[in-house]
């Protein structure tokens, strides 16, 4: 049976319990050893996906001429090949860190490495 540590909110509940129970939280707190059936907030952690980016965030990419472009993510679409990220260009989430980057610094570093080879 899933336990409290399997919950998406475990860290938050545990910190709350430490504040309430003090150093005894890991032994005395009723939440620390709770089961999924006993908590109305329980969400099984593995049922959730951490998205690579969110709508409204910036992404950076460069072209073959070495110009770095900035784009805003407008939507995420889950398809057979993973998350497609729609901005000014549409790309697969597998390309983050390869051709598309979460910061301008990462894009500049990758561009320099590409030019060095």
PDB file of N, CA and C in Angstrom:
ATOM      1  N   UNK A   1       0.842  -1.177   0.000  1.00  0.00           N
ATOM      2  CA  UNK A   1       0.000   0.000   0.000  1.00  0.00           C
ATOM      3  C   UNK A   1       0.893   1.248   0.000  1.00  0.00           C
ATOM      4  N   UNK A   2       0.577   2.244  -0.846  1.00  0.00           N
ATOM      5  CA  UNK A   2       1.381   3.471  -0.877  1.00  0.00           C
ATOM      6  C   UNK A   2       1.392   4.159   0.482  1.00  0.00           C
ATOM      7  N   UNK A   3       2.525   4.708   0.813  1.00  0.00           N
ATOM      8  CA  UNK A   3       2.687   5.417   2.081  1.00  0.00           C
ATOM      9  C   UNK A   3       2.830   6.916   1.835  1.00  0.00           C
ATOM     10  N   UNK A   4       2.949   7.640   2.895  1.00  0.00           N
ATOM     11  CA  UNK A   4       3.062   9.083   2.862  1.00  0.00           C
ATOM     12  C   UNK A   4       4.235   9.534   1.976  1.00  0.00           C
ATOM     13  N   UNK A   5       5.364   8.866   2.044  1.00  0.00           N
ATOM     14  CA  UNK A   5       6.539   9.256   1.257  1.00  0.00           C
ATOM     15  C   UNK A   5       6.306   9.116  -0.245  1.00  0.00           C
ATOM     16  N   UNK A   6       5.283   8.390  -0.664  1.00  0.00           N
ATOM     17  CA  UNK A   6       4.972   8.228  -2.079  1.00  0.00           C
ATOM     18  C   UNK A   6       4.107   9.364  -2.619  1.00  0.00           C
ATOM     19  N   UNK A   7       3.734  10.292  -1.757  1.00  0.00           N
ATOM     20  CA  UNK A   7       2.813  11.368  -2.123  1.00  0.00           C
ATOM     21  C   UNK A   7       3.558  12.555  -2.746  1.00  0.00           C
ATOM     22  N   UNK A   8       2.910  13.201  -3.679  1.00  0.00           N
ATOM     23  CA  UNK A   8       3.441  14.390  -4.323  1.00  0.00           C
ATOM     24  C   UNK A   8       3.701  15.502  -3.308  1.00  0.00           C
ATOM     25  N   UNK A   9       2.907  15.572  -2.262  1.00  0.00           N
ATOM     26  CA  UNK A   9       2.992  16.649  -1.281  1.00  0.00           C
ATOM     27  C   UNK A   9       3.788  16.284  -0.035  1.00  0.00           C
ATOM     28  N   UNK A  10       4.497  15.185  -0.041  1.00  0.00           N
ATOM     29  CA  UNK A  10       5.157  14.711   1.167  1.00  0.00           C
ATOM     30  C   UNK A  10       6.082  15.752   1.777  1.00  0.00           C
ATOM     31  N   UNK A  11       6.900  16.411   0.963  1.00  0.00           N
ATOM     32  CA  UNK A  11       7.857  17.379   1.505  1.00  0.00           C
ATOM     33  C   UNK A  11       7.152  18.508   2.246  1.00  0.00           C
ATOM     34  N   UNK A  12       6.055  18.996   1.680  1.00  0.00           N
ATOM     35  CA  UNK A  12       5.316  20.088   2.309  1.00  0.00           C
ATOM     36  C   UNK A  12       4.696  19.620   3.620  1.00  0.00           C
ATOM     37  N   UNK A  13       4.040  18.470   3.601  1.00  0.00           N
ATOM     38  CA  UNK A  13       3.422  17.944   4.823  1.00  0.00           C
ATOM     39  C   UNK A  13       4.468  17.690   5.898  1.00  0.00           C
ATOM     40  N   UNK A  14       5.591  17.139   5.491  1.00  0.00           N
ATOM     41  CA  UNK A  14       6.634  16.814   6.460  1.00  0.00           C
ATOM     42  C   UNK A  14       7.184  18.090   7.112  1.00  0.00           C
ATOM     43  N   UNK A  15       7.412  19.138   6.310  1.00  0.00           N
ATOM     44  CA  UNK A  15       7.900  20.406   6.881  1.00  0.00           C
ATOM     45  C   UNK A  15       6.858  21.013   7.816  1.00  0.00           C
ATOM     46  N   UNK A  16       5.600  20.917   7.457  1.00  0.00           N
ATOM     47  CA  UNK A  16       4.536  21.415   8.319  1.00  0.00           C
ATOM     48  C   UNK A  16       4.533  20.646   9.645  1.00  0.00           C
ATOM     49  N   UNK A  17       4.656  19.339   9.539  1.00  0.00           N
ATOM     50  CA  UNK A  17       4.656  18.524  10.751  1.00  0.00           C
ATOM     51  C   UNK A  17       5.878  18.798  11.613  1.00  0.00           C
ATOM     52  N   UNK A  18       7.027  19.036  11.003  1.00  0.00           N
ATOM     53  CA  UNK A  18       8.226  19.373  11.783  1.00  0.00           C
ATOM     54  C   UNK A  18       8.015  20.671  12.545  1.00  0.00           C
ATOM     55  N   UNK A  19       7.366  21.635  11.888  1.00  0.00           N
ATOM     56  CA  UNK A  19       7.092  22.905  12.556  1.00  0.00           C
ATOM     57  C   UNK A  19       6.126  22.711  13.722  1.00  0.00           C
ATOM     58  N   UNK A  20       5.166  21.824  13.547  1.00  0.00           N
ATOM     59  CA  UNK A  20       4.160  21.583  14.580  1.00  0.00           C
ATOM     60  C   UNK A  20       4.677  20.675  15.689  1.00  0.00           C
ATOM     61  N   UNK A  21       5.330  19.568  15.302  1.00  0.00           N
ATOM     62  CA  UNK A  21       5.769  18.575  16.262  1.00  0.00           C
ATOM     63  C   UNK A  21       7.213  18.771  16.713  1.00  0.00           C
ATOM     64  N   UNK A  22       7.963  19.594  16.012  1.00  0.00           N
ATOM     65  CA  UNK A  22       9.360  19.792  16.370  1.00  0.00           C
ATOM     66  C   UNK A  22      10.211  18.631  15.893  1.00  0.00           C
ATOM     67  N   UNK A  23      11.316  18.370  16.592  1.00  0.00           N
ATOM     68  CA  UNK A  23      12.265  17.328  16.174  1.00  0.00           C
ATOM     69  C   UNK A  23      11.676  15.927  16.257  1.00  0.00           C
ATOM     70  N   UNK A  24      10.549  15.758  16.925  1.00  0.00           N
ATOM     71  CA  UNK A  24       9.927  14.442  17.063  1.00  0.00           C
ATOM     72  C   UNK A  24       9.097  14.056  15.840  1.00  0.00           C
ATOM     73  N   UNK A  25       9.025  14.927  14.837  1.00  0.00           N
ATOM     74  CA  UNK A  25       8.131  14.714  13.702  1.00  0.00           C
ATOM     75  C   UNK A  25       8.343  13.370  13.020  1.00  0.00           C
ATOM     76  N   UNK A  26       9.593  12.967  12.861  1.00  0.00           N
ATOM     77  CA  UNK A  26       9.810  11.717  12.134  1.00  0.00           C
ATOM     78  C   UNK A  26       9.343  10.501  12.919  1.00  0.00           C
ATOM     79  N   UNK A  27       9.122  10.642  14.206  1.00  0.00           N
ATOM     80  CA  UNK A  27       8.678   9.510  15.024  1.00  0.00           C
ATOM     81  C   UNK A  27       7.231   9.642  15.478  1.00  0.00           C
ATOM     82  N   UNK A  28       6.810  10.859  15.816  1.00  0.00           N
ATOM     83  CA  UNK A  28       5.525  11.051  16.467  1.00  0.00           C
ATOM     84  C   UNK A  28       4.404  11.519  15.555  1.00  0.00           C
ATOM     85  N   UNK A  29       4.749  12.112  14.437  1.00  0.00           N
ATOM     86  CA  UNK A  29       3.736  12.713  13.595  1.00  0.00           C
ATOM     87  C   UNK A  29       2.805  11.679  12.984  1.00  0.00           C
ATOM     88  N   UNK A  30       1.506  11.922  13.027  1.00  0.00           N
ATOM     89  CA  UNK A  30       0.576  10.993  12.395  1.00  0.00           C
ATOM     90  C   UNK A  30       0.691  11.019  10.867  1.00  0.00           C
ATOM     91  N   UNK A  31       1.208  12.102  10.300  1.00  0.00           N
ATOM     92  CA  UNK A  31       1.299  12.190   8.839  1.00  0.00           C
ATOM     93  C   UNK A  31       2.482  11.405   8.300  1.00  0.00           C
ATOM     94  N   UNK A  32       3.571  11.334   9.023  1.00  0.00           N
ATOM     95  CA  UNK A  32       4.781  10.702   8.509  1.00  0.00           C
ATOM     96  C   UNK A  32       4.551   9.268   8.072  1.00  0.00           C
ATOM     97  N   UNK A  33       3.743   8.543   8.765  1.00  0.00           N
ATOM     98  CA  UNK A  33       3.502   7.147   8.428  1.00  0.00           C
ATOM     99  C   UNK A  33       2.080   6.899   7.936  1.00  0.00           C
ATOM    100  N   UNK A  34       1.443   7.931   7.431  1.00  0.00           N
ATOM    101  CA  UNK A  34       0.062   7.798   6.966  1.00  0.00           C
ATOM    102  C   UNK A  34       0.000   6.966   5.693  1.00  0.00           C
ATOM    103  N   UNK A  35      -1.141   6.394   5.460  1.00  0.00           N
ATOM    104  CA  UNK A  35      -1.360   5.662   4.218  1.00  0.00           C
ATOM    105  C   UNK A  35      -2.213   6.521   3.295  1.00  0.00           C
ATOM    106  N   UNK A  36      -2.302   6.114   2.047  1.00  0.00           N
ATOM    107  CA  UNK A  36      -3.078   6.864   1.068  1.00  0.00           C
ATOM    108  C   UNK A  36      -4.538   6.971   1.483  1.00  0.00           C
ATOM    109  N   UNK A  37      -5.058   5.965   2.157  1.00  0.00           N
ATOM    110  CA  UNK A  37      -6.460   5.953   2.558  1.00  0.00           C
ATOM    111  C   UNK A  37      -6.778   6.957   3.653  1.00  0.00           C
ATOM    112  N   UNK A  38      -5.780   7.373   4.413  1.00  0.00           N
ATOM    113  CA  UNK A  38      -6.046   8.229   5.564  1.00  0.00           C
ATOM    114  C   UNK A  38      -5.803   9.714   5.301  1.00  0.00           C
ATOM    115  N   UNK A  39      -5.468  10.094   4.082  1.00  0.00           N
ATOM    116  CA  UNK A  39      -5.176  11.498   3.794  1.00  0.00           C
ATOM    117  C   UNK A  39      -6.005  11.980   2.602  1.00  0.00           C
ATOM    118  N   UNK A  40      -6.751  13.032   2.821  1.00  0.00           N
ATOM    119  CA  UNK A  40      -7.590  13.550   1.751  1.00  0.00           C
ATOM    120  C   UNK A  40      -6.795  14.293   0.673  1.00  0.00           C
ATOM    121  N   UNK A  41      -5.527  14.646   0.958  1.00  0.00           N
ATOM    122  CA  UNK A  41      -4.696  15.374   0.000  1.00  0.00           C
ATOM    123  C   UNK A  41      -3.750  14.458  -0.781  1.00  0.00           C
ATOM    124  N   UNK A  42      -3.770  13.174  -0.499  1.00  0.00           N
ATOM    125  CA  UNK A  42      -2.807  12.237  -1.079  1.00  0.00           C
ATOM    126  C   UNK A  42      -2.901  12.192  -2.609  1.00  0.00           C
ATOM    127  N   UNK A  43      -1.769  12.393  -3.268  1.00  0.00           N
ATOM    128  CA  UNK A  43      -1.643  12.257  -4.719  1.00  0.00           C
ATOM    129  C   UNK A  43      -0.400  11.419  -4.982  1.00  0.00           C
ATOM    130  N   UNK A  44      -0.576  10.287  -5.599  1.00  0.00           N
ATOM    131  CA  UNK A  44       0.539   9.380  -5.854  1.00  0.00           C
ATOM    132  C   UNK A  44       1.548  10.055  -6.776  1.00  0.00           C
ATOM    133  N   UNK A  45       2.785  10.161  -6.318  1.00  0.00           N
ATOM    134  CA  UNK A  45       3.841  10.909  -6.988  1.00  0.00           C
ATOM    135  C   UNK A  45       4.095  10.460  -8.430  1.00  0.00           C
ATOM    136  N   UNK A  46       4.067   9.188  -8.697  1.00  0.00           N
ATOM    137  CA  UNK A  46       4.420   8.725 -10.036  1.00  0.00           C
ATOM    138  C   UNK A  46       3.312   8.966 -11.063  1.00  0.00           C
ATOM    139  N   UNK A  47       2.151   9.451 -10.625  1.00  0.00           N
ATOM    140  CA  UNK A  47       1.092   9.788 -11.573  1.00  0.00           C
ATOM    141  C   UNK A  47       1.278  11.178 -12.168  1.00  0.00           C
ATOM    142  N   UNK A  48       2.301  11.906 -11.729  1.00  0.00           N
ATOM    143  CA  UNK A  48       2.519  13.273 -12.173  1.00  0.00           C
ATOM    144  C   UNK A  48       3.769  13.346 -13.032  1.00  0.00           C
ATOM    145  N   UNK A  49       3.754  14.249 -13.980  1.00  0.00           N
ATOM    146  CA  UNK A  49       4.876  14.452 -14.885  1.00  0.00           C
ATOM    147  C   UNK A  49       5.437  15.853 -14.655  1.00  0.00           C
ATOM    148  N   UNK A  50       6.745  15.954 -14.589  1.00  0.00           N
ATOM    149  CA  UNK A  50       7.381  17.267 -14.494  1.00  0.00           C
ATOM    150  C   UNK A  50       7.635  17.738 -15.919  1.00  0.00           C
ATOM    151  N   UNK A  51       7.010  18.836 -16.284  1.00  0.00           N
ATOM    152  CA  UNK A  51       7.115  19.340 -17.646  1.00  0.00           C
ATOM    153  C   UNK A  51       8.466  20.023 -17.862  1.00  0.00           C
ATOM    154  N   UNK A  52       9.022  19.912 -19.069  1.00  0.00           N
ATOM    155  CA  UNK A  52      10.321  20.525 -19.336  1.00  0.00           C
ATOM    156  C   UNK A  52      10.254  22.054 -19.317  1.00  0.00           C
ATOM    157  N   UNK A  53       9.167  22.615 -19.791  1.00  0.00           N
ATOM    158  CA  UNK A  53       8.913  24.055 -19.773  1.00  0.00           C
ATOM    159  C   UNK A  53       7.417  24.260 -19.608  1.00  0.00           C
ATOM    160  N   UNK A  54       7.039  25.473 -19.307  1.00  0.00           N
ATOM    161  CA  UNK A  54       5.624  25.799 -19.148  1.00  0.00           C
ATOM    162  C   UNK A  54       5.258  26.942 -20.080  1.00  0.00           C
ATOM    163  N   UNK A  55       3.997  27.043 -20.469  1.00  0.00           N
ATOM    164  CA  UNK A  55       3.583  28.181 -21.289  1.00  0.00           C
ATOM    165  C   UNK A  55       3.943  29.494 -20.613  1.00  0.00           C
ATOM    166  N   UNK A  56       4.447  30.419 -21.423  1.00  0.00           N
ATOM    167  CA  UNK A  56       4.869  31.721 -20.903  1.00  0.00           C
ATOM    168  C   UNK A  56       6.369  31.802 -20.667  1.00  0.00           C
ATOM    169  N   UNK A  57       7.045  30.667 -20.571  1.00  0.00           N
ATOM    170  CA  UNK A  57       8.492  30.679 -20.363  1.00  0.00           C
ATOM    171  C   UNK A  57       9.221  30.901 -21.679  1.00  0.00           C
ATOM    172  N   UNK A  58      10.444  31.377 -21.570  1.00  0.00           N
ATOM    173  CA  UNK A  58      11.269  31.644 -22.749  1.00  0.00           C
ATOM    174  C   UNK A  58      12.100  30.420 -23.103  1.00  0.00           C
ATOM    175  N   UNK A  59      12.334  30.240 -24.395  1.00  0.00           N
ATOM    176  CA  UNK A  59      13.277  29.234 -24.883  1.00  0.00           C
ATOM    177  C   UNK A  59      14.206  29.935 -25.870  1.00  0.00           C
ATOM    178  N   UNK A  60      15.387  29.369 -26.057  1.00  0.00           N
ATOM    179  CA  UNK A  60      16.388  29.965 -26.920  1.00  0.00           C
ATOM    180  C   UNK A  60      16.905  28.912 -27.889  1.00  0.00           C
ATOM    181  N   UNK A  61      17.202  29.330 -29.089  1.00  0.00           N
ATOM    182  CA  UNK A  61      17.749  28.428 -30.098  1.00  0.00           C
ATOM    183  C   UNK A  61      18.586  29.252 -31.066  1.00  0.00           C
ATOM    184  N   UNK A  62      19.434  28.578 -31.839  1.00  0.00           N
ATOM    185  CA  UNK A  62      20.255  29.291 -32.805  1.00  0.00           C
ATOM    186  C   UNK A  62      20.138  28.650 -34.175  1.00  0.00           C
ATOM    187  N   UNK A  63      20.419  29.445 -35.189  1.00  0.00           N
ATOM    188  CA  UNK A  63      20.345  28.947 -36.554  1.00  0.00           C
ATOM    189  C   UNK A  63      21.747  28.590 -37.050  1.00  0.00           C
ATOM    190  N   UNK A  64      21.844  28.175 -38.289  1.00  0.00           N
ATOM    191  CA  UNK A  64      23.132  27.750 -38.847  1.00  0.00           C
ATOM    192  C   UNK A  64      24.103  28.918 -39.007  1.00  0.00           C
ATOM    193  N   UNK A  65      23.584  30.145 -39.057  1.00  0.00           N
ATOM    194  CA  UNK A  65      24.450  31.320 -39.168  1.00  0.00           C
ATOM    195  C   UNK A  65      24.980  31.765 -37.809  1.00  0.00           C
ATOM    196  N   UNK A  66      24.518  31.146 -36.727  1.00  0.00           N
ATOM    197  CA  UNK A  66      25.010  31.479 -35.395  1.00  0.00           C
ATOM    198  C   UNK A  66      24.244  32.570 -34.682  1.00  0.00           C
ATOM    199  N   UNK A  67      23.043  32.898 -35.159  1.00  0.00           N
ATOM    200  CA  UNK A  67      22.210  33.884 -34.484  1.00  0.00           C
ATOM    201  C   UNK A  67      21.355  33.183 -33.441  1.00  0.00           C
ATOM    202  N   UNK A  68      21.309  33.745 -32.237  1.00  0.00           N
ATOM    203  CA  UNK A  68      20.492  33.183 -31.159  1.00  0.00           C
ATOM    204  C   UNK A  68      19.148  33.892 -31.142  1.00  0.00           C
ATOM    205  N   UNK A  69      18.095  33.097 -31.092  1.00  0.00           N
ATOM    206  CA  UNK A  69      16.731  33.622 -31.077  1.00  0.00           C
ATOM    207  C   UNK A  69      16.055  33.273 -29.763  1.00  0.00           C
ATOM    208  N   UNK A  70      15.157  34.159 -29.352  1.00  0.00           N
ATOM    209  CA  UNK A  70      14.368  33.945 -28.140  1.00  0.00           C
ATOM    210  C   UNK A  70      12.914  33.784 -28.551  1.00  0.00           C
ATOM    211  N   UNK A  71      12.239  32.846 -27.923  1.00  0.00           N
ATOM    212  CA  UNK A  71      10.828  32.616 -28.225  1.00  0.00           C
ATOM    213  C   UNK A  71      10.088  32.320 -26.927  1.00  0.00           C
ATOM    214  N   UNK A  72       8.806  32.602 -26.915  1.00  0.00           N
ATOM    215  CA  UNK A  72       7.970  32.321 -25.749  1.00  0.00           C
ATOM    216  C   UNK A  72       7.119  31.090 -26.028  1.00  0.00           C
ATOM    217  N   UNK A  73       7.108  30.161 -25.091  1.00  0.00           N
ATOM    218  CA  UNK A  73       6.297  28.949 -25.229  1.00  0.00           C
ATOM    219  C   UNK A  73       4.839  29.344 -25.104  1.00  0.00           C
ATOM    220  N   UNK A  74       4.037  28.931 -26.089  1.00  0.00           N
ATOM    221  CA  UNK A  74       2.611  29.257 -26.053  1.00  0.00           C
ATOM    222  C   UNK A  74       1.758  28.085 -25.602  1.00  0.00           C
ATOM    223  N   UNK A  75       2.195  26.859 -25.914  1.00  0.00           N
ATOM    224  CA  UNK A  75       1.436  25.689 -25.480  1.00  0.00           C
ATOM    225  C   UNK A  75       2.310  24.445 -25.539  1.00  0.00           C
ATOM    226  N   UNK A  76       1.907  23.441 -24.777  1.00  0.00           N
ATOM    227  CA  UNK A  76       2.549  22.126 -24.812  1.00  0.00           C
ATOM    228  C   UNK A  76       1.512  21.136 -25.315  1.00  0.00           C
ATOM    229  N   UNK A  77       1.923  20.312 -26.248  1.00  0.00           N
ATOM    230  CA  UNK A  77       1.022  19.316 -26.813  1.00  0.00           C
ATOM    231  C   UNK A  77       1.676  17.958 -26.645  1.00  0.00           C
ATOM    232  N   UNK A  78       0.987  17.030 -25.983  1.00  0.00           N
ATOM    233  CA  UNK A  78       1.546  15.694 -25.799  1.00  0.00           C
ATOM    234  C   UNK A  78       1.158  14.837 -26.986  1.00  0.00           C
ATOM    235  N   UNK A  79       2.160  14.256 -27.640  1.00  0.00           N
ATOM    236  CA  UNK A  79       1.906  13.412 -28.798  1.00  0.00           C
ATOM    237  C   UNK A  79       2.707  12.130 -28.717  1.00  0.00           C
ATOM    238  N   UNK A  80       2.718  11.394 -29.792  1.00  0.00           N
ATOM    239  CA  UNK A  80       3.398  10.098 -29.835  1.00  0.00           C
ATOM    240  C   UNK A  80       4.899  10.224 -29.623  1.00  0.00           C
ATOM    241  N   UNK A  81       5.463  11.376 -29.958  1.00  0.00           N
ATOM    242  CA  UNK A  81       6.906  11.556 -29.823  1.00  0.00           C
ATOM    243  C   UNK A  81       7.284  12.319 -28.564  1.00  0.00           C
ATOM    244  N   UNK A  82       6.355  12.555 -27.681  1.00  0.00           N
ATOM    245  CA  UNK A  82       6.636  13.295 -26.451  1.00  0.00           C
ATOM    246  C   UNK A  82       5.954  14.648 -26.497  1.00  0.00           C
ATOM    247  N   UNK A  83       6.478  15.598 -25.739  1.00  0.00           N
ATOM    248  CA  UNK A  83       5.885  16.932 -25.699  1.00  0.00           C
ATOM    249  C   UNK A  83       6.360  17.757 -26.876  1.00  0.00           C
ATOM    250  N   UNK A  84       5.410  18.302 -27.613  1.00  0.00           N
ATOM    251  CA  UNK A  84       5.729  19.277 -28.647  1.00  0.00           C
ATOM    252  C   UNK A  84       5.536  20.641 -28.017  1.00  0.00           C
ATOM    253  N   UNK A  85       6.504  21.490 -28.201  1.00  0.00           N
ATOM    254  CA  UNK A  85       6.463  22.804 -27.589  1.00  0.00           C
ATOM    255  C   UNK A  85       6.208  23.816 -28.690  1.00  0.00           C
ATOM    256  N   UNK A  86       5.117  24.528 -28.573  1.00  0.00           N
ATOM    257  CA  UNK A  86       4.704  25.478 -29.597  1.00  0.00           C
ATOM    258  C   UNK A  86       5.116  26.879 -29.167  1.00  0.00           C
ATOM    259  N   UNK A  87       5.908  27.495 -29.972  1.00  0.00           N
ATOM    260  CA  UNK A  87       6.284  28.889 -29.784  1.00  0.00           C
ATOM    261  C   UNK A  87       6.295  29.473 -31.192  1.00  0.00           C
ATOM    262  N   UNK A  88       7.309  30.213 -31.555  1.00  0.00           N
ATOM    263  CA  UNK A  88       7.430  30.640 -32.951  1.00  0.00           C
ATOM    264  C   UNK A  88       7.786  29.443 -33.822  1.00  0.00           C
ATOM    265  N   UNK A  89       8.399  28.470 -33.229  1.00  0.00           N
ATOM    266  CA  UNK A  89       8.742  27.214 -33.902  1.00  0.00           C
ATOM    267  C   UNK A  89       8.207  26.082 -33.043  1.00  0.00           C
ATOM    268  N   UNK A  90       7.902  24.967 -33.651  1.00  0.00           N
ATOM    269  CA  UNK A  90       7.413  23.825 -32.886  1.00  0.00           C
ATOM    270  C   UNK A  90       8.519  22.783 -32.843  1.00  0.00           C
ATOM    271  N   UNK A  91       8.794  22.246 -31.656  1.00  0.00           N
ATOM    272  CA  UNK A  91       9.859  21.265 -31.521  1.00  0.00           C
ATOM    273  C   UNK A  91       9.518  20.251 -30.449  1.00  0.00           C
ATOM    274  N   UNK A  92      10.208  19.143 -30.484  1.00  0.00           N
ATOM    275  CA  UNK A  92      10.014  18.060 -29.531  1.00  0.00           C
ATOM    276  C   UNK A  92      10.828  18.340 -28.279  1.00  0.00           C
ATOM    277  N   UNK A  93      10.301  17.985 -27.127  1.00  0.00           N
ATOM    278  CA  UNK A  93      10.999  18.241 -25.861  1.00  0.00           C
ATOM    279  C   UNK A  93      12.333  17.507 -25.768  1.00  0.00           C
ATOM    280  N   UNK A  94      12.530  16.465 -26.569  1.00  0.00           N
ATOM    281  CA  UNK A  94      13.816  15.759 -26.558  1.00  0.00           C
ATOM    282  C   UNK A  94      14.956  16.634 -27.062  1.00  0.00           C
ATOM    283  N   UNK A  95      14.641  17.713 -27.739  1.00  0.00           N
ATOM    284  CA  UNK A  95      15.667  18.588 -28.296  1.00  0.00           C
ATOM    285  C   UNK A  95      16.139  19.664 -27.320  1.00  0.00           C
ATOM    286  N   UNK A  96      15.523  19.733 -26.139  1.00  0.00           N
ATOM    287  CA  UNK A  96      15.982  20.690 -25.134  1.00  0.00           C
ATOM    288  C   UNK A  96      17.362  20.252 -24.663  1.00  0.00           C
ATOM    289  N   UNK A  97      18.287  21.174 -24.737  1.00  0.00           N
ATOM    290  CA  UNK A  97      19.671  20.883 -24.366  1.00  0.00           C
ATOM    291  C   UNK A  97      20.513  20.479 -25.561  1.00  0.00           C
ATOM    292  N   UNK A  98      19.862  20.213 -26.684  1.00  0.00           N
ATOM    293  CA  UNK A  98      20.579  19.848 -27.901  1.00  0.00           C
ATOM    294  C   UNK A  98      20.493  20.976 -28.930  1.00  0.00           C
ATOM    295  N   UNK A  99      19.274  21.390 -29.235  1.00  0.00           N
ATOM    296  CA  UNK A  99      19.068  22.476 -30.199  1.00  0.00           C
ATOM    297  C   UNK A  99      18.270  23.634 -29.612  1.00  0.00           C
ATOM    298  N   UNK A 100      17.557  23.372 -28.530  1.00  0.00           N
ATOM    299  CA  UNK A 100      16.753  24.393 -27.865  1.00  0.00           C
ATOM    300  C   UNK A 100      17.177  24.437 -26.399  1.00  0.00           C
ATOM    301  N   UNK A 101      17.177  25.637 -25.814  1.00  0.00           N
ATOM    302  CA  UNK A 101      17.754  25.811 -24.485  1.00  0.00           C
ATOM    303  C   UNK A 101      16.844  26.659 -23.608  1.00  0.00           C
ATOM    304  N   UNK A 102      16.966  26.458 -22.310  1.00  0.00           N
ATOM    305  CA  UNK A 102      16.101  27.141 -21.354  1.00  0.00           C
ATOM    306  C   UNK A 102      16.652  28.501 -20.948  1.00  0.00           C
ATOM    307  N   UNK A 103      17.963  28.736 -21.191  1.00  0.00           N
ATOM    308  CA  UNK A 103      18.558  30.038 -20.902  1.00  0.00           C
ATOM    309  C   UNK A 103      19.414  30.475 -22.083  1.00  0.00           C
ATOM    310  N   UNK A 104      19.602  31.778 -22.196  1.00  0.00           N
ATOM    311  CA  UNK A 104      20.456  32.309 -23.258  1.00  0.00           C
ATOM    312  C   UNK A 104      21.897  31.829 -23.055  1.00  0.00           C
ATOM    313  N   UNK A 105      22.327  31.744 -21.816  1.00  0.00           N
ATOM    314  CA  UNK A 105      23.687  31.284 -21.522  1.00  0.00           C
ATOM    315  C   UNK A 105      23.946  29.875 -22.028  1.00  0.00           C
ATOM    316  N   UNK A 106      22.971  28.987 -21.848  1.00  0.00           N
ATOM    317  CA  UNK A 106      23.127  27.615 -22.349  1.00  0.00           C
ATOM    318  C   UNK A 106      23.214  27.607 -23.873  1.00  0.00           C
ATOM    319  N   UNK A 107      22.417  28.443 -24.535  1.00  0.00           N
ATOM    320  CA  UNK A 107      22.439  28.525 -26.003  1.00  0.00           C
ATOM    321  C   UNK A 107      23.782  29.061 -26.484  1.00  0.00           C
ATOM    322  N   UNK A 108      24.304  30.085 -25.814  1.00  0.00           N
ATOM    323  CA  UNK A 108      25.607  30.643 -26.193  1.00  0.00           C
ATOM    324  C   UNK A 108      26.720  29.621 -26.013  1.00  0.00           C
ATOM    325  N   UNK A 109      26.682  28.889 -24.918  1.00  0.00           N
ATOM    326  CA  UNK A 109      27.696  27.868 -24.660  1.00  0.00           C
ATOM    327  C   UNK A 109      27.650  26.776 -25.737  1.00  0.00           C
ATOM    328  N   UNK A 110      26.458  26.302 -26.077  1.00  0.00           N
ATOM    329  CA  UNK A 110      26.319  25.266 -27.097  1.00  0.00           C
ATOM    330  C   UNK A 110      26.770  25.783 -28.461  1.00  0.00           C
ATOM    331  N   UNK A 111      26.479  27.034 -28.753  1.00  0.00           N
ATOM    332  CA  UNK A 111      26.897  27.624 -30.026  1.00  0.00           C
ATOM    333  C   UNK A 111      28.423  27.699 -30.109  1.00  0.00           C
ATOM    334  N   UNK A 112      29.066  28.107 -29.025  1.00  0.00           N
ATOM    335  CA  UNK A 112      30.536  28.154 -28.995  1.00  0.00           C
ATOM    336  C   UNK A 112      31.133  26.768 -29.168  1.00  0.00           C
ATOM    337  N   UNK A 113      30.544  25.760 -28.510  1.00  0.00           N
ATOM    338  CA  UNK A 113      31.035  24.393 -28.651  1.00  0.00           C
ATOM    339  C   UNK A 113      30.874  23.898 -30.080  1.00  0.00           C
ATOM    340  N   UNK A 114      29.750  24.240 -30.697  1.00  0.00           N
ATOM    341  CA  UNK A 114      29.516  23.838 -32.078  1.00  0.00           C
ATOM    342  C   UNK A 114      30.506  24.499 -33.033  1.00  0.00           C
ATOM    343  N   UNK A 115      30.787  25.786 -32.793  1.00  0.00           N
ATOM    344  CA  UNK A 115      31.736  26.506 -33.646  1.00  0.00           C
ATOM    345  C   UNK A 115      33.161  26.002 -33.464  1.00  0.00           C
ATOM    346  N   UNK A 116      33.457  25.495 -32.261  1.00  0.00           N
ATOM    347  CA  UNK A 116      34.809  24.987 -31.979  1.00  0.00           C
ATOM    348  C   UNK A 116      35.088  23.667 -32.684  1.00  0.00           C
ATOM    349  N   UNK A 117      34.040  22.926 -33.052  1.00  0.00           N
ATOM    350  CA  UNK A 117      34.252  21.633 -33.715  1.00  0.00           C
ATOM    351  C   UNK A 117      34.280  21.756 -35.203  1.00  0.00           C
TER     352      UNK A 117
END
